[in-house]
């Protein structure tokens, strides 16, 4: 609620609040601001105050007024007019949410608004896929031609907090969960006077610290992923590893299959590189194999990006049967698979992984340590087939030269001393307890789960538009991750992703229920 002050009028406060959200991408380009009357009611101010604030936003070039429609956020990005538009693929709208419809043909169902008019004369899935994915972007409705979710909207939003409240939309563990004494001990161990000089005054090894690569090789062997140290390359986090793979194997215009719902940053990153994104509906046992097969027949994709274990945002894990079929498709249609195992430390070692079954022939393994240990150390890695190593290493060297040896050596010490393993065990136990409490609170406040709760995240159905709910919760100091963020083309959703570590607070659920009920 806005409060009168000597330094700022209510109009200035309201204008500043919306301006901050627009510049931080918490209000996406094209988003509609609340109606004048609704905003006045929500903020406890007069209609004239809201009108004046909206006029100021318009004068600042942050919003545009449309007659009889309201005020909408302008795209303030510098190169907005030059961005390539990613064509809409049929599977991006084939699922309203992943778990609400388990039928076999759910992944092939179309939303009529996204089918180009010429498709209506055809019958059958094949014709619809050809028409919906083969036409030009200009043939599609305006809403369908909008670019994928801006990565910065999620990145900035996830770290945007002006208070000490636990944030349900966070993508990482709260800092107090990751606090340890051994991390500082590891840094001291590798930064004696001689060691600090050596690590600071020269570049590290091109592939990464050899000691860390040996430690990672042993770690992977426990997951049945057999990669020699010379087949591992360290990176500046897992996202950097994914980027190295994309820049090495792909060229602008290439088709890439990505699971949907999925990580918004991956959709936007691939779009920024000029790739054609083919969203594959993610089911409880793995990707929709029928949709994948159709894509392979029509588009000859070069890459499939998958999170096999504790998929974000659903928490699903890949089944052995689905894994074998995915590998068969890769062999038949000659594409590579990059397996993002970011949540490996939270999962059982026996979980099904494509890289373990494939033996790193067509698969590339990617992981990191931001989720479990040290986000600020920015240490990730990839393990790849021998025939790709030199090309991947060249891409790394062109982008970053080498990676920071100091933190790589410190991480190797943490692994070798068993500290990371024990730390991960403690986190898993604490997370299991937090998950139980969060699930009970969500169910008690009228929510349902679209997927069986597992891992760090819950995929929750709220029953209301979570984009609109996000803005209302921001006024109360809470940031959620609305379901629309996890689709290649942003669209309304009643789902939200919650972080089990940050949703144990009954106070959040009380506020959530009050605001949600007011939207009915």
Protein backbone atom coordinates (compact mmCIF):
# COMPACT_ATOMS: atom_id res chain seq x y z
CA UNK A 1 0.00 0.00 0.00
CA UNK A 2 1.31 3.45 -0.90
CA UNK A 3 1.86 5.94 1.89
CA UNK A 4 1.92 9.73 1.77
CA UNK A 5 5.36 11.25 2.29
CA UNK A 6 6.97 14.67 2.14
CA UNK A 7 9.53 13.61 -0.47
CA UNK A 8 7.22 11.91 -3.00
CA UNK A 9 3.60 12.31 -3.92
CA UNK A 10 1.39 9.23 -4.27
CA UNK A 11 1.47 9.72 -8.03
CA UNK A 12 5.26 9.73 -8.09
CA UNK A 13 5.43 6.65 -5.86
CA UNK A 14 3.02 4.72 -8.07
CA UNK A 15 4.83 5.77 -11.23
CA UNK A 16 8.19 4.76 -9.73
CA UNK A 17 6.82 1.36 -8.69
CA UNK A 18 5.65 0.49 -12.20
CA UNK A 19 8.75 2.00 -13.80
CA UNK A 20 11.00 -0.21 -11.69
CA UNK A 21 9.06 -3.33 -12.66
CA UNK A 22 9.14 -2.44 -16.34
CA UNK A 23 12.88 -1.72 -16.35
CA UNK A 24 13.57 -4.90 -14.37
CA UNK A 25 11.44 -6.88 -16.88
CA UNK A 26 9.07 -7.98 -14.14
CA UNK A 27 6.42 -6.51 -16.43
CA UNK A 28 7.12 -7.94 -19.86
CA UNK A 29 6.78 -5.94 -23.10
CA UNK A 30 3.15 -6.04 -24.21
CA UNK A 31 1.81 -6.68 -20.71
CA UNK A 32 -1.36 -4.78 -19.88
CA UNK A 33 -1.32 -2.60 -16.78
CA UNK A 34 -4.28 -2.98 -14.40
CA UNK A 35 -7.27 -0.85 -15.36
CA UNK A 36 -7.34 2.58 -13.75
CA UNK A 37 -10.16 1.63 -11.39
CA UNK A 38 -8.66 -1.73 -10.47
CA UNK A 39 -5.23 -0.19 -9.82
CA UNK A 40 -6.82 2.50 -7.62
CA UNK A 41 -8.57 -0.21 -5.63
CA UNK A 42 -5.43 -2.33 -5.29
CA UNK A 43 -3.19 0.55 -4.23
CA UNK A 44 -5.70 2.37 -2.04
CA UNK A 45 -5.47 5.63 -4.01
CA UNK A 46 -7.85 7.77 -6.07
CA UNK A 47 -8.56 7.21 -9.74
CA UNK A 48 -7.03 10.59 -10.54
CA UNK A 49 -3.76 9.49 -8.88
CA UNK A 50 -3.57 6.41 -11.11
CA UNK A 51 -4.39 8.44 -14.24
CA UNK A 52 -1.60 10.88 -13.40
CA UNK A 53 0.87 8.05 -12.72
CA UNK A 54 0.02 6.32 -16.00
CA UNK A 55 0.45 9.64 -17.81
CA UNK A 56 3.93 9.96 -16.32
CA UNK A 57 4.82 6.43 -17.42
CA UNK A 58 3.64 7.28 -20.92
CA UNK A 59 5.70 10.47 -20.92
CA UNK A 60 8.77 8.41 -19.94
CA UNK A 61 8.19 6.12 -22.90
CA UNK A 62 7.56 3.09 -20.71
CA UNK A 63 3.92 2.45 -21.63
CA UNK A 64 1.62 3.14 -24.52
CA UNK A 65 -2.10 3.91 -24.33
CA UNK A 66 -4.48 2.10 -26.66
CA UNK A 67 -7.93 3.50 -27.12
CA UNK A 68 -10.62 1.48 -25.33
CA UNK A 69 -8.01 -1.13 -24.37
CA UNK A 70 -5.85 0.39 -21.63
CA UNK A 71 -2.14 0.93 -21.02
CA UNK A 72 0.48 -1.55 -22.24
CA UNK A 73 4.19 -1.93 -21.54
CA UNK A 74 6.42 -0.81 -24.39
CA UNK A 75 9.41 -2.87 -25.50
CA UNK A 76 12.27 -0.72 -24.26
CA UNK A 77 15.11 -3.00 -25.39
CA UNK A 78 17.55 -1.23 -27.68
CA UNK A 79 17.45 -3.79 -30.45
CA UNK A 80 13.84 -4.81 -30.07
CA UNK A 81 12.97 -3.96 -33.65
CA UNK A 82 15.89 -6.00 -34.97
CA UNK A 83 15.27 -9.22 -33.05
CA UNK A 84 14.64 -12.27 -35.15
CA UNK A 85 11.20 -13.71 -34.61
CA UNK A 86 11.20 -17.39 -33.74
CA UNK A 87 8.52 -19.29 -35.64
CA UNK A 88 5.84 -20.86 -33.51
CA UNK A 89 5.94 -24.62 -33.36
CA UNK A 90 2.91 -26.81 -32.91
CA UNK A 91 4.01 -28.38 -29.64
CA UNK A 92 4.39 -25.02 -27.91
CA UNK A 93 0.63 -24.98 -27.57
CA UNK A 94 -0.01 -28.70 -27.50
CA UNK A 95 -0.13 -28.75 -23.72
CA UNK A 96 -2.08 -26.46 -21.46
CA UNK A 97 -0.08 -27.97 -18.63
CA UNK A 98 2.01 -31.08 -18.54
CA UNK A 99 0.19 -33.21 -16.01
CA UNK A 100 -3.44 -32.22 -16.38
CA UNK A 101 -3.91 -34.44 -19.40
CA UNK A 102 -2.06 -37.72 -19.51
CA UNK A 103 -3.67 -39.02 -22.69
CA UNK A 104 -1.41 -40.26 -25.46
CA UNK A 105 -2.58 -37.66 -27.97
CA UNK A 106 -2.33 -34.71 -25.59
CA UNK A 107 1.03 -33.73 -27.00
CA UNK A 108 -0.39 -33.50 -30.53
CA UNK A 109 -3.48 -31.43 -29.77
CA UNK A 110 -3.54 -27.96 -31.31
CA UNK A 111 -4.88 -24.72 -29.97
CA UNK A 112 -6.87 -23.35 -32.88
CA UNK A 113 -5.66 -19.80 -32.45
CA UNK A 114 -2.14 -20.86 -33.38
CA UNK A 115 -2.98 -22.75 -36.56
CA UNK A 116 -2.53 -20.80 -39.76
CA UNK A 117 -5.79 -20.56 -41.76
CA UNK A 118 -4.51 -22.78 -44.57
CA UNK A 119 -4.09 -25.64 -42.13
CA UNK A 120 -7.84 -26.00 -41.74
CA UNK A 121 -8.17 -27.63 -45.15
CA UNK A 122 -5.93 -30.50 -44.06
CA UNK A 123 -6.76 -33.47 -41.93
CA UNK A 124 -4.45 -35.49 -39.69
CA UNK A 125 -1.45 -34.68 -37.56
CA UNK A 126 1.07 -34.77 -40.40
CA UNK A 127 -0.62 -32.02 -42.41
CA UNK A 128 -1.15 -29.84 -39.37
CA UNK A 129 2.48 -30.17 -38.33
CA UNK A 130 3.68 -29.28 -41.82
CA UNK A 131 1.37 -26.29 -42.04
CA UNK A 132 1.84 -25.00 -38.52
CA UNK A 133 5.61 -25.29 -38.50
CA UNK A 134 6.49 -24.85 -42.14
CA UNK A 135 4.77 -21.54 -42.90
CA UNK A 136 6.42 -18.17 -42.58
CA UNK A 137 6.19 -16.20 -39.36
CA UNK A 138 4.15 -13.51 -41.09
CA UNK A 139 1.34 -16.02 -41.67
CA UNK A 140 0.79 -16.45 -37.94
CA UNK A 141 -1.43 -14.42 -35.60
CA UNK A 142 0.33 -11.53 -33.82
CA UNK A 143 0.18 -13.23 -30.42
CA UNK A 144 1.86 -16.31 -31.88
CA UNK A 145 4.65 -14.30 -33.53
CA UNK A 146 5.89 -12.81 -30.27
CA UNK A 147 9.44 -13.79 -29.40
CA UNK A 148 10.14 -16.28 -26.61
CA UNK A 149 10.28 -15.10 -23.03
CA UNK A 150 13.13 -12.64 -22.51
CA UNK A 151 15.79 -14.37 -20.42
CA UNK A 152 16.45 -11.21 -18.46
CA UNK A 153 12.83 -11.14 -17.29
CA UNK A 154 13.48 -14.34 -15.39
CA UNK A 155 17.07 -13.69 -14.40
CA UNK A 156 16.43 -10.21 -13.04
CA UNK A 157 13.17 -11.28 -11.47
CA UNK A 158 14.59 -14.24 -9.64
CA UNK A 159 17.16 -12.03 -7.93
CA UNK A 160 14.90 -9.02 -7.45
CA UNK A 161 14.03 -8.66 -3.80
CA UNK A 162 13.74 -5.56 -1.72
CA UNK A 163 12.91 -7.35 1.51
CA UNK A 164 13.86 -10.34 3.63
CA UNK A 165 10.81 -12.41 2.81
CA UNK A 166 11.44 -15.87 1.32
CA UNK A 167 10.76 -15.67 -2.40
CA UNK A 168 8.63 -18.52 -3.84
CA UNK A 169 9.90 -17.88 -7.38
CA UNK A 170 13.58 -18.30 -6.61
CA UNK A 171 15.49 -20.76 -8.79
CA UNK A 172 18.15 -21.54 -6.20
CA UNK A 173 18.42 -22.45 -2.54
CA UNK A 174 18.38 -19.56 -0.05
CA UNK A 175 21.94 -18.52 0.92
CA UNK A 176 21.55 -19.79 4.49
CA UNK A 177 20.93 -23.30 3.14
CA UNK A 178 24.30 -23.29 1.40
CA UNK A 179 26.38 -21.87 4.23
CA UNK A 180 29.32 -24.12 5.12
CA UNK A 181 32.64 -23.88 6.93
CA UNK A 182 34.52 -26.08 4.49
CA UNK A 183 34.26 -23.68 1.52
CA UNK A 184 36.44 -21.08 3.22
CA UNK A 185 38.80 -23.86 4.32
CA UNK A 186 39.07 -25.01 0.69
CA UNK A 187 39.94 -21.53 -0.52
CA UNK A 188 42.57 -21.12 2.22
CA UNK A 189 44.02 -24.49 1.28
CA UNK A 190 44.71 -23.46 -2.32
CA UNK A 191 45.67 -19.83 -1.67
CA UNK A 192 48.81 -19.99 0.38
CA UNK A 193 51.29 -17.30 -0.66
CA UNK A 194 52.91 -19.35 -3.42
CA UNK A 195 49.65 -20.87 -4.61
CA UNK A 196 47.84 -17.53 -4.80
CA UNK A 197 50.60 -16.04 -6.93
CA UNK A 198 50.65 -18.99 -9.31
CA UNK A 199 46.86 -19.00 -9.70
CA UNK A 200 46.60 -15.22 -10.09
CA UNK A 201 49.52 -14.44 -12.40
CA UNK A 202 48.92 -16.97 -15.14
CA UNK A 203 46.02 -18.49 -17.06
CA UNK A 204 44.68 -21.86 -16.05
CA UNK A 205 44.70 -25.01 -18.16
CA UNK A 206 42.62 -24.68 -21.36
CA UNK A 207 40.35 -27.65 -20.51
CA UNK A 208 40.20 -26.70 -16.86
CA UNK A 209 42.13 -27.73 -13.77
CA UNK A 210 43.34 -31.30 -14.25
CA UNK A 211 42.74 -32.15 -10.59
CA UNK A 212 39.12 -31.05 -10.79
CA UNK A 213 38.61 -32.99 -14.02
CA UNK A 214 39.89 -36.13 -12.32
CA UNK A 215 37.49 -35.54 -9.43
CA UNK A 216 34.61 -34.97 -11.84
CA UNK A 217 35.47 -38.16 -13.72
CA UNK A 218 35.15 -40.16 -10.48
CA UNK A 219 31.90 -38.36 -9.64
CA UNK A 220 30.43 -39.19 -13.05
CA UNK A 221 31.44 -42.84 -12.75
CA UNK A 222 29.20 -43.07 -9.68
CA UNK A 223 26.33 -42.00 -11.99
CA UNK A 224 27.33 -44.65 -14.56
CA UNK A 225 28.50 -41.88 -16.89
CA UNK A 226 32.00 -42.93 -17.87
CA UNK A 227 34.11 -39.97 -18.97
CA UNK A 228 37.89 -39.81 -18.73
CA UNK A 229 39.37 -36.53 -17.41
CA UNK A 230 40.57 -35.66 -20.91
CA UNK A 231 36.95 -35.81 -22.14
CA UNK A 232 35.80 -33.16 -19.65
CA UNK A 233 35.93 -29.37 -20.12
CA UNK A 234 35.26 -26.96 -17.27
CA UNK A 235 33.09 -23.90 -17.86
CA UNK A 236 31.83 -20.75 -16.15
CA UNK A 237 28.71 -22.48 -14.85
CA UNK A 238 26.30 -24.91 -16.51
CA UNK A 239 24.66 -22.20 -18.62
CA UNK A 240 28.05 -21.46 -20.18
CA UNK A 241 28.45 -25.16 -20.95
CA UNK A 242 25.09 -25.20 -22.74
CA UNK A 243 26.14 -22.11 -24.69
CA UNK A 244 29.42 -23.72 -25.75
CA UNK A 245 27.53 -26.75 -27.08
CA UNK A 246 25.05 -24.59 -29.00
CA UNK A 247 27.72 -22.38 -30.56
CA UNK A 248 29.78 -25.40 -31.57
CA UNK A 249 27.11 -27.66 -33.05
CA UNK A 250 24.56 -25.20 -34.40
CA UNK A 251 24.24 -22.40 -36.92
CA UNK A 252 21.55 -19.75 -37.21
CA UNK A 253 18.39 -21.27 -38.62
CA UNK A 254 19.06 -24.79 -37.31
CA UNK A 255 16.19 -26.58 -35.58
CA UNK A 256 16.55 -27.48 -31.91
CA UNK A 257 14.12 -29.58 -29.87
CA UNK A 258 13.59 -28.35 -26.31
CA UNK A 259 11.30 -29.75 -23.63
CA UNK A 260 8.21 -27.69 -22.77
CA UNK A 261 7.42 -26.52 -20.19
CA UNK A 262 11.08 -25.76 -19.69
CA UNK A 263 13.70 -23.30 -18.59
CA UNK A 264 12.87 -19.86 -20.00
CA UNK A 265 16.54 -18.90 -20.21
CA UNK A 266 17.21 -21.80 -22.59
CA UNK A 267 14.36 -20.81 -24.91
CA UNK A 268 15.56 -17.21 -25.02
CA UNK A 269 19.24 -18.11 -25.35
CA UNK A 270 18.62 -20.32 -28.38
CA UNK A 271 16.35 -17.70 -29.90
CA UNK A 272 19.07 -15.06 -29.49
CA UNK A 273 21.42 -17.34 -31.45
CA UNK A 274 18.88 -17.50 -34.29
CA UNK A 275 17.78 -21.10 -33.81
CA UNK A 276 14.34 -22.47 -34.68
CA UNK A 277 12.90 -23.78 -31.43
CA UNK A 278 10.80 -26.96 -31.58
CA UNK A 279 9.09 -27.36 -28.18
CA UNK A 280 8.53 -30.97 -27.16
CA UNK A 281 5.85 -31.59 -24.51
CA UNK A 282 7.39 -33.07 -21.37
CA UNK A 283 5.44 -35.97 -19.90
CA UNK A 284 5.92 -37.77 -16.59
CA UNK A 285 8.11 -40.48 -18.20
CA UNK A 286 10.00 -38.22 -20.58
CA UNK A 287 9.53 -36.18 -23.76
CA UNK A 288 6.56 -36.83 -26.02
CA UNK A 289 8.13 -39.34 -28.41
CA UNK A 290 5.45 -39.02 -31.06
CA UNK A 291 5.98 -35.27 -31.35
CA UNK A 292 9.75 -35.80 -31.46
CA UNK A 293 9.38 -38.34 -34.26
CA UNK A 294 7.26 -35.94 -36.31
CA UNK A 295 9.74 -33.13 -35.81
CA UNK A 296 12.55 -35.43 -36.96
CA UNK A 297 10.67 -36.34 -40.13
CA UNK A 298 9.80 -32.75 -41.02
CA UNK A 299 12.58 -30.52 -39.68
CA UNK A 300 15.74 -32.66 -39.29
CA UNK A 301 16.71 -31.10 -35.93
CA UNK A 302 20.40 -30.88 -35.05
CA UNK A 303 20.05 -31.00 -31.26
CA UNK A 304 17.74 -32.03 -28.42
CA UNK A 305 18.09 -30.26 -25.05
CA UNK A 306 16.80 -32.31 -22.13
CA UNK A 307 16.67 -32.27 -18.33
CA UNK A 308 16.29 -35.96 -17.56
CA UNK A 309 16.43 -35.79 -13.76
CA UNK A 310 14.18 -33.47 -11.70
CA UNK A 311 13.06 -31.60 -14.77
CA UNK A 312 12.47 -27.87 -14.28
CA UNK A 313 9.66 -26.96 -13.54
CA UNK A 314 7.76 -30.26 -13.25
CA UNK A 315 10.19 -32.38 -11.21
CA UNK A 316 9.68 -35.32 -13.59
CA UNK A 317 12.39 -37.97 -14.07
CA UNK A 318 13.06 -39.86 -17.29
CA UNK A 319 12.03 -43.52 -17.51
CA UNK A 320 14.41 -46.15 -19.00
CA UNK A 321 11.95 -46.99 -21.79
CA UNK A 322 11.63 -43.39 -22.92
CA UNK A 323 15.38 -42.93 -22.70
CA UNK A 324 16.04 -45.88 -25.05
CA UNK A 325 13.52 -44.55 -27.57
CA UNK A 326 15.04 -41.05 -27.50
CA UNK A 327 18.45 -42.53 -28.20
CA UNK A 328 17.02 -44.57 -31.06
CA UNK A 329 15.56 -41.40 -32.60
CA UNK A 330 18.93 -39.65 -32.23
CA UNK A 331 20.67 -42.49 -34.04
CA UNK A 332 18.04 -42.76 -36.77
CA UNK A 333 17.87 -39.03 -37.48
CA UNK A 334 21.46 -38.05 -36.71
CA UNK A 335 21.08 -35.42 -33.99
CA UNK A 336 22.97 -34.86 -30.75
CA UNK A 337 21.51 -34.67 -27.26
CA UNK A 338 22.70 -32.31 -24.54
CA UNK A 339 21.63 -33.54 -21.12
CA UNK A 340 21.45 -30.83 -18.47
CA UNK A 341 21.95 -32.57 -15.13
CA UNK A 342 21.95 -29.42 -13.00
CA UNK A 343 20.02 -31.13 -10.20
CA UNK A 344 22.17 -34.26 -10.04
CA UNK A 345 23.22 -33.66 -6.43
CA UNK A 346 19.59 -33.73 -5.32
CA UNK A 347 18.73 -36.97 -7.13
CA UNK A 348 19.55 -40.63 -6.49
CA UNK A 349 22.59 -41.91 -8.33
CA UNK A 350 20.56 -44.65 -10.02
CA UNK A 351 18.24 -42.17 -11.77
CA UNK A 352 18.01 -42.79 -15.52
CA UNK A 353 20.36 -40.62 -17.55
CA UNK A 354 20.70 -40.59 -21.33
CA UNK A 355 24.48 -40.16 -21.12
CA UNK A 356 24.82 -43.29 -19.00
CA UNK A 357 22.86 -45.42 -21.48
CA UNK A 358 24.52 -43.89 -24.53
CA UNK A 359 28.09 -43.89 -23.24
CA UNK A 360 28.68 -40.33 -24.49
CA UNK A 361 28.38 -41.23 -28.15
CA UNK A 362 25.60 -38.88 -29.25
CA UNK A 363 25.10 -37.31 -25.86
CA UNK A 364 26.85 -34.44 -24.10
CA UNK A 365 26.63 -34.20 -20.32
CA UNK A 366 26.33 -30.78 -18.65
CA UNK A 367 26.22 -29.92 -14.96
CA UNK A 368 27.41 -27.40 -12.38
CA UNK A 369 27.53 -26.54 -8.70
CA UNK A 370 25.46 -23.35 -8.38
CA UNK A 371 22.38 -25.21 -7.16
CA UNK A 372 24.13 -27.21 -4.45
CA UNK A 373 27.22 -25.38 -3.25
CA UNK A 374 28.51 -22.05 -4.53
CA UNK A 375 26.56 -19.96 -7.07
CA UNK A 376 29.24 -17.27 -6.93
CA UNK A 377 32.09 -19.63 -7.82
CA UNK A 378 30.58 -20.14 -11.28
CA UNK A 379 32.04 -23.59 -11.91
CA UNK A 380 30.36 -25.91 -14.39
CA UNK A 381 31.52 -28.54 -16.84
CA UNK A 382 30.65 -30.69 -19.81
CA UNK A 383 31.64 -34.22 -20.80
CA UNK A 384 31.48 -35.03 -24.48
CA UNK A 385 32.32 -37.60 -27.16
CA UNK A 386 36.03 -37.58 -28.10
CA UNK A 387 35.33 -36.46 -31.67
CA UNK A 388 33.70 -33.23 -30.40
CA UNK A 389 36.24 -32.28 -27.73
CA UNK A 390 38.58 -30.12 -29.81
CA UNK A 391 35.72 -28.17 -31.39
CA UNK A 392 34.07 -27.59 -28.00
CA UNK A 393 37.39 -26.51 -26.49
CA UNK A 394 38.00 -24.05 -29.33
CA UNK A 395 34.61 -22.46 -28.63
CA UNK A 396 35.43 -22.17 -24.93
CA UNK A 397 38.81 -20.56 -25.64
CA UNK A 398 37.30 -18.06 -28.07
CA UNK A 399 34.74 -17.01 -25.47
CA UNK A 400 36.61 -17.02 -22.16
CA UNK A 401 40.19 -18.16 -22.85
CA UNK A 402 40.34 -20.25 -19.67
CA UNK A 403 38.30 -20.60 -16.49
CA UNK A 404 39.32 -19.44 -12.96
CA UNK A 405 41.72 -22.05 -11.63
CA UNK A 406 41.45 -20.83 -8.03
CA UNK A 407 37.83 -21.85 -7.57
CA UNK A 408 38.31 -25.01 -9.63
CA UNK A 409 41.09 -26.17 -7.31
CA UNK A 410 39.01 -25.26 -4.26
CA UNK A 411 36.07 -27.24 -5.62
CA UNK A 412 38.31 -30.24 -6.31
CA UNK A 413 39.39 -30.17 -2.66
CA UNK A 414 35.73 -30.08 -1.53
CA UNK A 415 34.96 -33.14 -3.67
CA UNK A 416 38.06 -35.13 -2.80
CA UNK A 417 37.66 -34.58 0.94
CA UNK A 418 34.06 -35.83 0.82
CA UNK A 419 32.78 -32.46 1.97
CA UNK A 420 30.51 -31.90 -1.04
CA UNK A 421 28.97 -35.37 -0.70
CA UNK A 422 28.13 -34.87 2.97
CA UNK A 423 26.84 -31.37 2.30
CA UNK A 424 24.56 -32.67 -0.47
CA UNK A 425 23.19 -35.34 1.87
CA UNK A 426 22.28 -32.68 4.43
CA UNK A 427 20.61 -30.55 1.77
CA UNK A 428 18.56 -33.50 0.49
CA UNK A 429 17.30 -34.30 3.99
CA UNK A 430 16.41 -30.69 4.69
CA UNK A 431 14.72 -30.35 1.30
CA UNK A 432 12.58 -33.45 1.89
CA UNK A 433 11.26 -31.91 5.10
CA UNK A 434 10.67 -28.55 3.44
CA UNK A 435 8.88 -30.21 0.53
CA UNK A 436 6.48 -31.94 2.89
CA UNK A 437 5.61 -28.70 4.66
CA UNK A 438 5.22 -26.73 1.42
CA UNK A 439 2.96 -29.34 -0.15
CA UNK A 440 0.68 -29.38 2.89
CA UNK A 441 0.41 -25.59 2.87
CA UNK A 442 -0.29 -25.45 -0.87
CA UNK A 443 -3.04 -28.06 -0.65
CA UNK A 444 -4.53 -26.42 2.45
CA UNK A 445 -4.81 -23.14 0.54
CA UNK A 446 -6.73 -24.56 -2.39
CA UNK A 447 -3.93 -25.42 -4.83
CA UNK A 448 -3.32 -28.67 -6.64
CA UNK A 449 -0.13 -30.15 -8.07
CA UNK A 450 0.10 -30.67 -11.83
CA UNK A 451 3.01 -33.04 -11.25
CA UNK A 452 4.02 -35.27 -8.36
CA UNK A 453 6.11 -33.10 -5.99
CA UNK A 454 9.81 -34.00 -6.30
CA UNK A 455 13.15 -32.28 -6.26
CA UNK A 456 13.49 -28.55 -5.63
CA UNK A 457 10.44 -27.30 -7.50
CA UNK A 458 6.68 -27.81 -7.41
CA UNK A 459 4.44 -27.30 -10.46
CA UNK A 460 1.30 -25.86 -8.88
CA UNK A 461 -2.12 -25.10 -10.35
CA UNK A 462 -3.60 -21.99 -8.71
CA UNK A 463 -6.85 -21.78 -10.66
CA UNK A 464 -6.19 -18.16 -11.74
CA UNK A 465 -4.02 -16.32 -14.26
CA UNK A 466 -0.61 -16.34 -12.60
CA UNK A 467 0.72 -13.43 -14.68
CA UNK A 468 -1.92 -11.21 -13.09
CA UNK A 469 -1.36 -12.84 -9.70
CA UNK A 470 2.38 -12.13 -9.97
CA UNK A 471 1.80 -8.39 -10.10
CA UNK A 472 -0.52 -8.46 -7.09
CA UNK A 473 1.93 -10.50 -5.05
CA UNK A 474 4.75 -8.11 -5.92
CA UNK A 475 2.81 -5.41 -4.10
CA UNK A 476 2.97 -7.63 -1.02
CA UNK A 477 6.71 -8.24 -1.41
CA UNK A 478 6.56 -11.75 -2.92
CA UNK A 479 7.89 -12.88 -6.30
CA UNK A 480 6.44 -15.99 -7.93
CA UNK A 481 7.38 -17.71 -11.19
CA UNK A 482 4.22 -17.77 -13.35
CA UNK A 483 3.64 -20.69 -15.68
CA UNK A 484 3.84 -18.51 -18.78
CA UNK A 485 7.60 -18.13 -18.24
CA UNK A 486 8.18 -21.79 -18.98
CA UNK A 487 6.85 -21.84 -22.54
CA UNK A 488 8.62 -21.03 -25.78
CA UNK A 489 5.86 -18.55 -26.60
CA UNK A 490 4.43 -16.76 -23.58
CA UNK A 491 0.76 -17.54 -23.03
CA UNK A 492 -1.68 -17.31 -20.12
CA UNK A 493 -1.39 -20.04 -17.50
CA UNK A 494 -2.91 -20.92 -14.15
CA UNK A 495 0.30 -22.68 -13.13
CA UNK A 496 3.23 -21.41 -11.12
CA UNK A 497 6.56 -22.94 -10.15
CA UNK A 498 7.35 -22.82 -6.45
CA UNK A 499 10.63 -23.42 -4.69
CA UNK A 500 10.02 -25.87 -1.83
CA UNK A 501 12.84 -24.31 0.18
CA UNK A 502 11.16 -20.89 0.17
CA UNK A 503 7.46 -21.77 0.48
CA UNK A 504 7.35 -23.18 4.00
CA UNK A 505 6.14 -19.82 5.30
CA UNK A 506 2.43 -19.88 6.14
CA UNK A 507 2.39 -16.08 5.88
CA UNK A 508 3.02 -16.30 2.12
CA UNK A 509 0.21 -18.77 1.57
CA UNK A 510 -2.20 -16.61 3.55
CA UNK A 511 -1.43 -13.61 1.35
CA UNK A 512 -1.51 -15.80 -1.76
CA UNK A 513 -4.98 -17.17 -0.94
CA UNK A 514 -6.38 -13.71 -0.20
CA UNK A 515 -5.19 -12.24 -3.49
CA UNK A 516 -6.12 -15.30 -5.52
CA UNK A 517 -9.63 -15.40 -4.08
CA UNK A 518 -10.06 -11.71 -4.92
CA UNK A 519 -9.43 -12.57 -8.60
CA UNK A 520 -12.31 -15.05 -8.84
